[in-house]
Structure formats: C-alpha cells, structure tokens
Amino acid sequence: MFPVLPPWAGVHPLLVHFPIALLFTTPAFLVLALLMGRRHRVWAFAALLMLFLGTVGIFMAASSGEAAGKLAERSPEINAVLERHEHLAETAQVIFSGLALAFAALIIVPIALKRELPRWAHASAHTLFLVVFIGALGFLVQIAHQGGRLVHQFGVHALMAPTPGEALPPARVEQDRD
C-alpha cells in the first residue's frame, strides 16, 4: 500500500526548503561562471537552471503556504507575522522571476547574436548580477525567519489528518473520547 500524500496545505513544510537550497547554492555556480573564462557557459546554464527551479519552488511554496495559512489557528500576533511572511513571499516571487529573466537574457542574448561580450563586459555584468542576487537572498532569509517564528514562537504547524490505519496521538485520543 502506498503512503497517503498530505493535502496541498500540508506539504508547505516539505516544499519550502527546496527553493532555499537551490537559490542559496546558485551563487557558487555564478562565481564559477564568472571565473571559468571561455568555459563559463556550462556553469552559467547550471546557475540558470538552479535559479529557474528555485523560482518555481518559491511559487509552489507560496501556493501551499497560502493554503496552509487558511487553516492556521489565528491570533492578532500570528496574523501580523503571517501577513509579513506572505508579503515577503509575494515580493520574492517577483524579484526572483525578474532575476531569472535577466540572467537568461544575459546568457542567451550573446548566443542568439553569435557575439560574445568582451571579457570586461562579461565580468562586469556577471559581477553586478551576483551582487544583486546575493542581496535578493536577503528576502529568502526574512521569509524563512518569519516562517520560523510562526512555527517555533507561535506553534503554527501544517494541519494534517492521520493516514488510514494510523492511530491518533494519545492526547488527541483522550480529547476525542469526551
């Protein structure tokens, strides 16, 4: 028998770590693309792939988080942190989508024109992109911090029903008998 998948609202804790890992690893590939000279394309495409997958992951995490937020227990304090968390996630969607498009253009335009940028222009453009990208990672840190506050400070967690055949935790069993 296959395990039952949690509902969309319940997968948020599983999904949030993928974009964080992918996007925080991307700068290593950007640096390799910057340093590898003529062989930079492989590393640049690897960075673009990680950036693209991380950006898609942000959209998936935000979608599942929105569903989870509708089920969360609320208080004024939780609402404030949850709204900040959601606002930062929406901003990150825009920022990383723009960065993915900008980096794709930085890689694809010279290929399409069959004309490499001069070394200084290539290095300058990639360095500027890297600096802006690292700044954008600050949004991920803030999103993660607000999500961590929701979980560890306020006890908000993904709501999931037990799978078929699984016993309820002892505290729930006693509550259900009343």
N, C-alpha and C. Protein backbone atom coordinates (compact mmCIF):
# COMPACT_ATOMS: atom_id res chain seq x y z
N MET A 1 0.84 -1.18 0.00
CA MET A 1 0.00 0.00 0.00
C MET A 1 0.88 1.24 0.00
N PHE A 2 0.55 2.20 -0.84
CA PHE A 2 1.32 3.42 -0.94
C PHE A 2 0.92 4.39 0.17
N PRO A 3 1.88 5.16 0.67
CA PRO A 3 1.53 6.14 1.69
C PRO A 3 0.60 7.21 1.10
N VAL A 4 -0.28 7.70 1.93
CA VAL A 4 -1.21 8.74 1.50
C VAL A 4 -0.47 10.08 1.49
N LEU A 5 -0.58 10.80 0.40
CA LEU A 5 0.05 12.11 0.31
C LEU A 5 -0.73 13.11 1.13
N PRO A 6 -0.02 14.02 1.80
CA PRO A 6 -0.73 15.04 2.55
C PRO A 6 -1.45 15.99 1.60
N PRO A 7 -2.45 16.71 2.10
CA PRO A 7 -3.12 17.69 1.25
C PRO A 7 -2.15 18.82 0.91
N TRP A 8 -2.53 19.63 -0.09
CA TRP A 8 -1.65 20.72 -0.55
C TRP A 8 -1.22 21.62 0.60
N ALA A 9 -2.13 21.93 1.52
CA ALA A 9 -1.80 22.77 2.67
C ALA A 9 -0.77 22.09 3.57
N GLY A 10 -0.75 20.78 3.58
CA GLY A 10 0.16 20.05 4.44
C GLY A 10 1.55 19.86 3.90
N VAL A 11 1.77 20.14 2.62
CA VAL A 11 3.12 19.94 2.05
C VAL A 11 3.99 21.19 2.16
N HIS A 12 3.45 22.28 2.67
CA HIS A 12 4.25 23.51 2.77
C HIS A 12 5.57 23.30 3.50
N PRO A 13 5.58 22.62 4.66
CA PRO A 13 6.87 22.41 5.33
C PRO A 13 7.85 21.58 4.50
N LEU A 14 7.34 20.77 3.61
CA LEU A 14 8.22 19.96 2.76
C LEU A 14 8.78 20.77 1.59
N LEU A 15 7.96 21.67 1.07
CA LEU A 15 8.34 22.41 -0.14
C LEU A 15 9.27 23.59 0.12
N VAL A 16 9.17 24.23 1.27
CA VAL A 16 9.89 25.49 1.49
C VAL A 16 11.40 25.34 1.43
N HIS A 17 11.91 24.18 1.74
CA HIS A 17 13.36 24.03 1.81
C HIS A 17 14.03 23.90 0.44
N PHE A 18 13.29 23.46 -0.56
CA PHE A 18 13.88 23.29 -1.89
C PHE A 18 14.30 24.61 -2.53
N PRO A 19 13.42 25.62 -2.59
CA PRO A 19 13.88 26.88 -3.18
C PRO A 19 15.01 27.52 -2.38
N ILE A 20 14.96 27.37 -1.07
CA ILE A 20 16.03 27.94 -0.25
C ILE A 20 17.36 27.28 -0.62
N ALA A 21 17.39 25.96 -0.67
CA ALA A 21 18.63 25.25 -1.00
C ALA A 21 19.10 25.58 -2.42
N LEU A 22 18.19 25.56 -3.37
CA LEU A 22 18.57 25.83 -4.76
C LEU A 22 19.09 27.26 -4.93
N LEU A 23 18.38 28.21 -4.36
CA LEU A 23 18.76 29.61 -4.57
C LEU A 23 20.01 30.00 -3.77
N PHE A 24 20.22 29.38 -2.63
CA PHE A 24 21.45 29.68 -1.88
C PHE A 24 22.66 28.97 -2.47
N THR A 25 22.47 27.96 -3.29
CA THR A 25 23.57 27.28 -3.96
C THR A 25 23.91 27.96 -5.29
N THR A 26 22.96 28.66 -5.85
CA THR A 26 23.15 29.32 -7.15
C THR A 26 24.39 30.23 -7.20
N PRO A 27 24.68 31.04 -6.18
CA PRO A 27 25.88 31.90 -6.28
C PRO A 27 27.18 31.15 -6.52
N ALA A 28 27.29 29.93 -6.03
CA ALA A 28 28.51 29.15 -6.29
C ALA A 28 28.67 28.92 -7.80
N PHE A 29 27.57 28.62 -8.47
CA PHE A 29 27.62 28.41 -9.92
C PHE A 29 27.84 29.73 -10.66
N LEU A 30 27.29 30.82 -10.12
CA LEU A 30 27.53 32.13 -10.73
C LEU A 30 29.01 32.51 -10.64
N VAL A 31 29.63 32.21 -9.50
CA VAL A 31 31.06 32.50 -9.34
C VAL A 31 31.88 31.64 -10.30
N LEU A 32 31.53 30.36 -10.42
CA LEU A 32 32.25 29.50 -11.37
C LEU A 32 32.08 30.01 -12.80
N ALA A 33 30.89 30.45 -13.15
CA ALA A 33 30.66 31.01 -14.49
C ALA A 33 31.51 32.25 -14.71
N LEU A 34 31.68 33.02 -13.67
CA LEU A 34 32.48 34.25 -13.76
C LEU A 34 33.97 33.93 -13.90
N LEU A 35 34.42 32.90 -13.22
CA LEU A 35 35.85 32.60 -13.19
C LEU A 35 36.34 31.68 -14.32
N MET A 36 35.45 30.99 -14.98
CA MET A 36 35.88 29.96 -15.92
C MET A 36 36.20 30.46 -17.33
N GLY A 37 36.14 31.73 -17.55
CA GLY A 37 36.53 32.26 -18.86
C GLY A 37 35.67 31.72 -19.98
N ARG A 38 36.29 31.17 -20.99
CA ARG A 38 35.59 30.66 -22.18
C ARG A 38 34.68 29.47 -21.87
N ARG A 39 34.99 28.77 -20.80
CA ARG A 39 34.17 27.60 -20.44
C ARG A 39 33.05 27.98 -19.47
N HIS A 40 32.67 29.25 -19.45
CA HIS A 40 31.69 29.73 -18.49
C HIS A 40 30.26 29.28 -18.78
N ARG A 41 29.97 28.93 -20.02
CA ARG A 41 28.58 28.63 -20.38
C ARG A 41 27.97 27.46 -19.62
N VAL A 42 28.73 26.42 -19.41
CA VAL A 42 28.21 25.26 -18.69
C VAL A 42 27.79 25.68 -17.28
N TRP A 43 28.64 26.45 -16.61
CA TRP A 43 28.34 26.88 -15.25
C TRP A 43 27.22 27.92 -15.26
N ALA A 44 27.19 28.76 -16.26
CA ALA A 44 26.12 29.76 -16.35
C ALA A 44 24.77 29.07 -16.57
N PHE A 45 24.74 28.05 -17.41
CA PHE A 45 23.48 27.32 -17.63
C PHE A 45 23.08 26.54 -16.37
N ALA A 46 24.06 26.01 -15.64
CA ALA A 46 23.76 25.33 -14.38
C ALA A 46 23.16 26.33 -13.38
N ALA A 47 23.74 27.53 -13.31
CA ALA A 47 23.20 28.57 -12.43
C ALA A 47 21.80 28.96 -12.85
N LEU A 48 21.58 29.08 -14.15
CA LEU A 48 20.26 29.44 -14.66
C LEU A 48 19.24 28.35 -14.32
N LEU A 49 19.62 27.10 -14.47
CA LEU A 49 18.71 26.00 -14.13
C LEU A 49 18.36 26.03 -12.65
N MET A 50 19.36 26.22 -11.80
CA MET A 50 19.09 26.27 -10.36
C MET A 50 18.23 27.48 -10.02
N LEU A 51 18.49 28.61 -10.65
CA LEU A 51 17.70 29.81 -10.43
C LEU A 51 16.26 29.59 -10.88
N PHE A 52 16.08 28.96 -12.04
CA PHE A 52 14.75 28.69 -12.55
C PHE A 52 14.00 27.72 -11.62
N LEU A 53 14.63 26.63 -11.23
CA LEU A 53 13.99 25.66 -10.35
C LEU A 53 13.68 26.26 -8.98
N GLY A 54 14.60 27.06 -8.47
CA GLY A 54 14.36 27.73 -7.19
C GLY A 54 13.20 28.71 -7.27
N THR A 55 13.09 29.41 -8.39
CA THR A 55 11.98 30.36 -8.58
C THR A 55 10.66 29.62 -8.68
N VAL A 56 10.62 28.53 -9.42
CA VAL A 56 9.41 27.71 -9.49
C VAL A 56 9.07 27.20 -8.08
N GLY A 57 10.08 26.82 -7.34
CA GLY A 57 9.88 26.35 -5.97
C GLY A 57 9.28 27.41 -5.07
N ILE A 58 9.67 28.68 -5.27
CA ILE A 58 9.07 29.77 -4.49
C ILE A 58 7.57 29.85 -4.76
N PHE A 59 7.20 29.73 -6.03
CA PHE A 59 5.78 29.79 -6.38
C PHE A 59 5.01 28.61 -5.76
N MET A 60 5.60 27.43 -5.80
CA MET A 60 4.93 26.26 -5.21
C MET A 60 4.83 26.39 -3.70
N ALA A 61 5.90 26.83 -3.05
CA ALA A 61 5.88 27.00 -1.60
C ALA A 61 4.87 28.07 -1.20
N ALA A 62 4.82 29.15 -1.96
CA ALA A 62 3.85 30.22 -1.65
C ALA A 62 2.42 29.73 -1.81
N SER A 63 2.18 28.95 -2.84
CA SER A 63 0.84 28.43 -3.06
C SER A 63 0.41 27.49 -1.94
N SER A 64 1.29 26.57 -1.56
CA SER A 64 0.96 25.65 -0.47
C SER A 64 0.88 26.39 0.86
N GLY A 65 1.71 27.43 1.01
CA GLY A 65 1.66 28.23 2.23
C GLY A 65 0.37 29.01 2.35
N GLU A 66 -0.12 29.50 1.23
CA GLU A 66 -1.40 30.22 1.24
C GLU A 66 -2.52 29.27 1.68
N ALA A 67 -2.50 28.05 1.17
CA ALA A 67 -3.50 27.05 1.57
C ALA A 67 -3.35 26.72 3.05
N ALA A 68 -2.12 26.57 3.52
CA ALA A 68 -1.88 26.25 4.93
C ALA A 68 -2.30 27.42 5.83
N GLY A 69 -2.05 28.64 5.37
CA GLY A 69 -2.42 29.82 6.16
C GLY A 69 -3.91 29.93 6.40
N LYS A 70 -4.71 29.44 5.48
CA LYS A 70 -6.17 29.48 5.64
C LYS A 70 -6.63 28.53 6.76
N LEU A 71 -5.82 27.52 7.07
CA LEU A 71 -6.18 26.55 8.09
C LEU A 71 -5.56 26.84 9.45
N ALA A 72 -4.62 27.77 9.49
CA ALA A 72 -3.87 28.03 10.72
C ALA A 72 -4.76 28.68 11.78
N GLU A 73 -4.48 28.31 13.04
CA GLU A 73 -5.13 28.99 14.14
C GLU A 73 -4.63 30.42 14.14
N ARG A 74 -5.52 31.36 14.46
CA ARG A 74 -5.17 32.78 14.35
C ARG A 74 -5.26 33.50 15.68
N SER A 75 -4.39 34.48 15.80
CA SER A 75 -4.42 35.48 16.86
C SER A 75 -3.89 36.76 16.22
N PRO A 76 -4.06 37.90 16.85
CA PRO A 76 -3.51 39.12 16.25
C PRO A 76 -2.01 39.04 15.98
N GLU A 77 -1.26 38.42 16.89
CA GLU A 77 0.19 38.30 16.71
C GLU A 77 0.51 37.38 15.53
N ILE A 78 -0.18 36.26 15.47
CA ILE A 78 0.03 35.32 14.37
C ILE A 78 -0.35 35.97 13.05
N ASN A 79 -1.46 36.69 13.02
CA ASN A 79 -1.88 37.37 11.79
C ASN A 79 -0.82 38.33 11.29
N ALA A 80 -0.21 39.09 12.20
CA ALA A 80 0.81 40.07 11.80
C ALA A 80 2.02 39.37 11.18
N VAL A 81 2.49 38.31 11.83
CA VAL A 81 3.66 37.59 11.31
C VAL A 81 3.31 36.87 10.01
N LEU A 82 2.13 36.28 9.95
CA LEU A 82 1.69 35.57 8.74
C LEU A 82 1.56 36.53 7.56
N GLU A 83 1.00 37.71 7.80
CA GLU A 83 0.89 38.70 6.72
C GLU A 83 2.27 39.14 6.24
N ARG A 84 3.19 39.34 7.15
CA ARG A 84 4.57 39.72 6.77
C ARG A 84 5.22 38.60 5.96
N HIS A 85 5.03 37.37 6.42
CA HIS A 85 5.57 36.19 5.74
C HIS A 85 5.02 36.11 4.31
N GLU A 86 3.71 36.27 4.16
CA GLU A 86 3.07 36.22 2.84
C GLU A 86 3.53 37.36 1.95
N HIS A 87 3.63 38.56 2.50
CA HIS A 87 4.06 39.72 1.71
C HIS A 87 5.49 39.52 1.19
N LEU A 88 6.37 39.06 2.06
CA LEU A 88 7.75 38.80 1.64
C LEU A 88 7.81 37.72 0.56
N ALA A 89 6.99 36.68 0.70
CA ALA A 89 6.96 35.61 -0.30
C ALA A 89 6.49 36.14 -1.65
N GLU A 90 5.47 36.98 -1.65
CA GLU A 90 4.99 37.56 -2.91
C GLU A 90 6.06 38.44 -3.54
N THR A 91 6.76 39.21 -2.72
CA THR A 91 7.84 40.05 -3.23
C THR A 91 8.96 39.19 -3.80
N ALA A 92 9.29 38.10 -3.12
CA ALA A 92 10.34 37.20 -3.61
C ALA A 92 9.96 36.57 -4.94
N GLN A 93 8.68 36.27 -5.14
CA GLN A 93 8.24 35.73 -6.42
C GLN A 93 8.57 36.70 -7.55
N VAL A 94 8.29 37.97 -7.33
CA VAL A 94 8.56 39.00 -8.35
C VAL A 94 10.05 39.16 -8.56
N ILE A 95 10.79 39.29 -7.47
CA ILE A 95 12.24 39.52 -7.55
C ILE A 95 12.94 38.37 -8.26
N PHE A 96 12.69 37.15 -7.84
CA PHE A 96 13.41 36.02 -8.43
C PHE A 96 12.94 35.71 -9.84
N SER A 97 11.69 36.02 -10.16
CA SER A 97 11.25 35.89 -11.57
C SER A 97 12.01 36.87 -12.44
N GLY A 98 12.13 38.11 -11.96
CA GLY A 98 12.89 39.12 -12.71
C GLY A 98 14.36 38.75 -12.84
N LEU A 99 14.94 38.23 -11.76
CA LEU A 99 16.34 37.81 -11.82
C LEU A 99 16.54 36.65 -12.79
N ALA A 100 15.61 35.71 -12.80
CA ALA A 100 15.72 34.58 -13.73
C ALA A 100 15.64 35.07 -15.17
N LEU A 101 14.73 35.97 -15.45
CA LEU A 101 14.63 36.52 -16.81
C LEU A 101 15.87 37.32 -17.19
N ALA A 102 16.36 38.12 -16.26
CA ALA A 102 17.56 38.93 -16.54
C ALA A 102 18.77 38.05 -16.80
N PHE A 103 18.94 37.00 -15.98
CA PHE A 103 20.09 36.13 -16.17
C PHE A 103 19.97 35.32 -17.45
N ALA A 104 18.76 34.89 -17.76
CA ALA A 104 18.54 34.18 -19.03
C ALA A 104 18.92 35.07 -20.20
N ALA A 105 18.53 36.33 -20.14
CA ALA A 105 18.89 37.27 -21.21
C ALA A 105 20.41 37.46 -21.27
N LEU A 106 21.04 37.54 -20.12
CA LEU A 106 22.49 37.72 -20.06
C LEU A 106 23.23 36.56 -20.72
N ILE A 107 22.65 35.38 -20.63
CA ILE A 107 23.28 34.20 -21.23
C ILE A 107 22.86 34.01 -22.68
N ILE A 108 21.57 34.15 -22.95
CA ILE A 108 21.02 33.78 -24.25
C ILE A 108 21.23 34.83 -25.33
N VAL A 109 21.19 36.11 -24.97
CA VAL A 109 21.35 37.16 -26.00
C VAL A 109 22.68 37.04 -26.73
N PRO A 110 23.82 36.91 -26.04
CA PRO A 110 25.08 36.75 -26.79
C PRO A 110 25.10 35.50 -27.68
N ILE A 111 24.46 34.42 -27.22
CA ILE A 111 24.41 33.20 -28.03
C ILE A 111 23.55 33.44 -29.27
N ALA A 112 22.39 34.09 -29.07
CA ALA A 112 21.49 34.36 -30.19
C ALA A 112 22.13 35.30 -31.20
N LEU A 113 22.88 36.27 -30.71
CA LEU A 113 23.55 37.23 -31.61
C LEU A 113 24.86 36.67 -32.17
N LYS A 114 25.26 35.50 -31.67
CA LYS A 114 26.53 34.87 -32.07
C LYS A 114 27.70 35.83 -31.90
N ARG A 115 27.63 36.50 -30.74
CA ARG A 115 28.66 37.50 -30.47
C ARG A 115 28.91 37.53 -28.95
N GLU A 116 30.07 37.11 -28.55
CA GLU A 116 30.43 37.12 -27.14
C GLU A 116 30.67 38.55 -26.67
N LEU A 117 30.33 38.78 -25.42
CA LEU A 117 30.64 40.07 -24.82
C LEU A 117 32.16 40.16 -24.61
N PRO A 118 32.72 41.35 -24.66
CA PRO A 118 34.15 41.48 -24.28
C PRO A 118 34.33 40.99 -22.84
N ARG A 119 35.50 40.49 -22.54
CA ARG A 119 35.77 39.90 -21.22
C ARG A 119 35.39 40.84 -20.08
N TRP A 120 35.74 42.13 -20.20
CA TRP A 120 35.43 43.09 -19.13
C TRP A 120 33.91 43.27 -18.98
N ALA A 121 33.18 43.28 -20.08
CA ALA A 121 31.72 43.44 -20.02
C ALA A 121 31.06 42.20 -19.42
N HIS A 122 31.56 41.04 -19.83
CA HIS A 122 31.06 39.78 -19.27
C HIS A 122 31.29 39.75 -17.76
N ALA A 123 32.51 40.06 -17.33
CA ALA A 123 32.85 40.04 -15.91
C ALA A 123 32.03 41.08 -15.15
N SER A 124 31.87 42.26 -15.71
CA SER A 124 31.11 43.31 -15.04
C SER A 124 29.64 42.93 -14.89
N ALA A 125 29.04 42.43 -15.96
CA ALA A 125 27.63 42.06 -15.93
C ALA A 125 27.38 40.92 -14.94
N HIS A 126 28.24 39.91 -14.97
CA HIS A 126 28.07 38.78 -14.06
C HIS A 126 28.31 39.18 -12.61
N THR A 127 29.29 40.04 -12.38
CA THR A 127 29.58 40.51 -11.02
C THR A 127 28.40 41.33 -10.49
N LEU A 128 27.88 42.23 -11.31
CA LEU A 128 26.73 43.03 -10.90
C LEU A 128 25.53 42.13 -10.60
N PHE A 129 25.30 41.15 -11.47
CA PHE A 129 24.19 40.22 -11.24
C PHE A 129 24.38 39.47 -9.93
N LEU A 130 25.60 39.00 -9.68
CA LEU A 130 25.90 38.26 -8.46
C LEU A 130 25.63 39.11 -7.22
N VAL A 131 26.03 40.36 -7.24
CA VAL A 131 25.81 41.26 -6.09
C VAL A 131 24.32 41.47 -5.86
N VAL A 132 23.56 41.72 -6.93
CA VAL A 132 22.12 41.91 -6.81
C VAL A 132 21.46 40.62 -6.32
N PHE A 133 21.91 39.49 -6.84
CA PHE A 133 21.35 38.20 -6.45
C PHE A 133 21.58 37.93 -4.97
N ILE A 134 22.77 38.18 -4.49
CA ILE A 134 23.06 37.96 -3.07
C ILE A 134 22.20 38.88 -2.21
N GLY A 135 21.99 40.10 -2.67
CA GLY A 135 21.06 40.99 -1.96
C GLY A 135 19.65 40.43 -1.92
N ALA A 136 19.21 39.84 -3.03
CA ALA A 136 17.87 39.26 -3.10
C ALA A 136 17.72 38.06 -2.16
N LEU A 137 18.83 37.38 -1.89
CA LEU A 137 18.76 36.25 -0.96
C LEU A 137 18.34 36.71 0.44
N GLY A 138 18.54 38.00 0.72
CA GLY A 138 18.07 38.54 1.98
C GLY A 138 16.56 38.39 2.15
N PHE A 139 15.82 38.44 1.04
CA PHE A 139 14.38 38.21 1.11
C PHE A 139 14.09 36.79 1.57
N LEU A 140 14.86 35.83 1.07
CA LEU A 140 14.64 34.44 1.49
C LEU A 140 14.94 34.28 2.98
N VAL A 141 15.96 34.95 3.46
CA VAL A 141 16.29 34.88 4.88
C VAL A 141 15.13 35.43 5.70
N GLN A 142 14.58 36.56 5.27
CA GLN A 142 13.46 37.16 6.00
C GLN A 142 12.22 36.29 5.95
N ILE A 143 11.93 35.71 4.78
CA ILE A 143 10.77 34.81 4.67
C ILE A 143 10.95 33.63 5.61
N ALA A 144 12.12 33.03 5.59
CA ALA A 144 12.39 31.87 6.45
C ALA A 144 12.31 32.26 7.92
N HIS A 145 12.80 33.43 8.25
CA HIS A 145 12.74 33.90 9.64
C HIS A 145 11.29 34.04 10.11
N GLN A 146 10.46 34.66 9.27
CA GLN A 146 9.05 34.84 9.64
C GLN A 146 8.34 33.48 9.73
N GLY A 147 8.63 32.57 8.80
CA GLY A 147 8.06 31.23 8.87
C GLY A 147 8.53 30.49 10.11
N GLY A 148 9.80 30.64 10.45
CA GLY A 148 10.34 30.04 11.67
C GLY A 148 9.66 30.59 12.92
N ARG A 149 9.39 31.89 12.92
CA ARG A 149 8.66 32.49 14.05
C ARG A 149 7.28 31.88 14.18
N LEU A 150 6.60 31.69 13.04
CA LEU A 150 5.26 31.10 13.09
C LEU A 150 5.30 29.71 13.72
N VAL A 151 6.29 28.92 13.34
CA VAL A 151 6.39 27.54 13.84
C VAL A 151 6.93 27.50 15.27
N HIS A 152 8.07 28.14 15.51
CA HIS A 152 8.76 27.96 16.78
C HIS A 152 8.32 28.92 17.87
N GLN A 153 7.87 30.10 17.52
CA GLN A 153 7.42 31.06 18.52
C GLN A 153 5.93 30.91 18.82
N PHE A 154 5.13 30.68 17.76
CA PHE A 154 3.68 30.65 17.93
C PHE A 154 3.09 29.24 17.82
N GLY A 155 3.87 28.25 17.44
CA GLY A 155 3.38 26.89 17.38
C GLY A 155 2.48 26.59 16.20
N VAL A 156 2.51 27.42 15.17
CA VAL A 156 1.70 27.16 13.98
C VAL A 156 2.34 26.00 13.24
N HIS A 157 1.53 25.05 12.79
CA HIS A 157 2.05 23.89 12.08
C HIS A 157 1.07 23.48 11.00
N ALA A 158 1.56 22.68 10.07
CA ALA A 158 0.70 22.19 8.99
C ALA A 158 -0.34 21.25 9.59
N LEU A 159 -1.58 21.45 9.20
CA LEU A 159 -2.65 20.61 9.70
C LEU A 159 -2.82 19.42 8.77
N MET A 160 -2.69 18.24 9.34
CA MET A 160 -2.83 17.01 8.54
C MET A 160 -3.61 16.00 9.35
N ALA A 161 -4.48 15.31 8.67
CA ALA A 161 -5.24 14.22 9.30
C ALA A 161 -4.36 12.99 9.34
N PRO A 162 -4.61 12.10 10.30
CA PRO A 162 -3.84 10.86 10.31
C PRO A 162 -4.16 10.03 9.07
N THR A 163 -3.18 9.27 8.63
CA THR A 163 -3.40 8.42 7.47
C THR A 163 -4.27 7.24 7.88
N PRO A 164 -4.96 6.61 6.93
CA PRO A 164 -5.82 5.47 7.27
C PRO A 164 -5.03 4.39 8.01
N GLY A 165 -5.60 3.90 9.10
CA GLY A 165 -4.94 2.86 9.88
C GLY A 165 -3.97 3.38 10.91
N GLU A 166 -3.71 4.69 10.90
CA GLU A 166 -2.77 5.28 11.85
C GLU A 166 -3.53 5.71 13.10
N ALA A 167 -3.00 5.41 14.24
CA ALA A 167 -3.65 5.79 15.49
C ALA A 167 -3.43 7.28 15.75
N LEU A 168 -4.39 7.89 16.40
CA LEU A 168 -4.24 9.28 16.80
C LEU A 168 -3.23 9.36 17.94
N PRO A 169 -2.53 10.49 18.07
CA PRO A 169 -1.62 10.65 19.20
C PRO A 169 -2.41 10.54 20.51
N PRO A 170 -1.79 10.13 21.61
CA PRO A 170 -2.51 9.92 22.87
C PRO A 170 -3.34 11.13 23.32
N ALA A 171 -2.83 12.32 23.20
CA ALA A 171 -3.57 13.50 23.64
C ALA A 171 -4.85 13.66 22.82
N ARG A 172 -4.78 13.38 21.53
CA ARG A 172 -5.96 13.50 20.68
C ARG A 172 -6.99 12.43 20.98
N VAL A 173 -6.54 11.23 21.32
CA VAL A 173 -7.46 10.13 21.61
C VAL A 173 -8.31 10.51 22.81
N GLU A 174 -7.68 11.03 23.87
CA GLU A 174 -8.42 11.42 25.06
C GLU A 174 -9.41 12.52 24.76
N GLN A 175 -9.03 13.51 23.94
CA GLN A 175 -9.92 14.60 23.59
C GLN A 175 -11.10 14.08 22.79
N ASP A 176 -10.87 13.11 21.90
CA ASP A 176 -11.92 12.61 21.05
C ASP A 176 -12.93 11.77 21.83
N ARG A 177 -12.54 11.22 23.00
CA ARG A 177 -13.46 10.43 23.81
C ARG A 177 -14.48 11.29 24.53
N ASP A 178 -14.13 12.53 24.80
CA ASP A 178 -15.03 13.44 25.54
C ASP A 178 -16.23 13.85 24.76
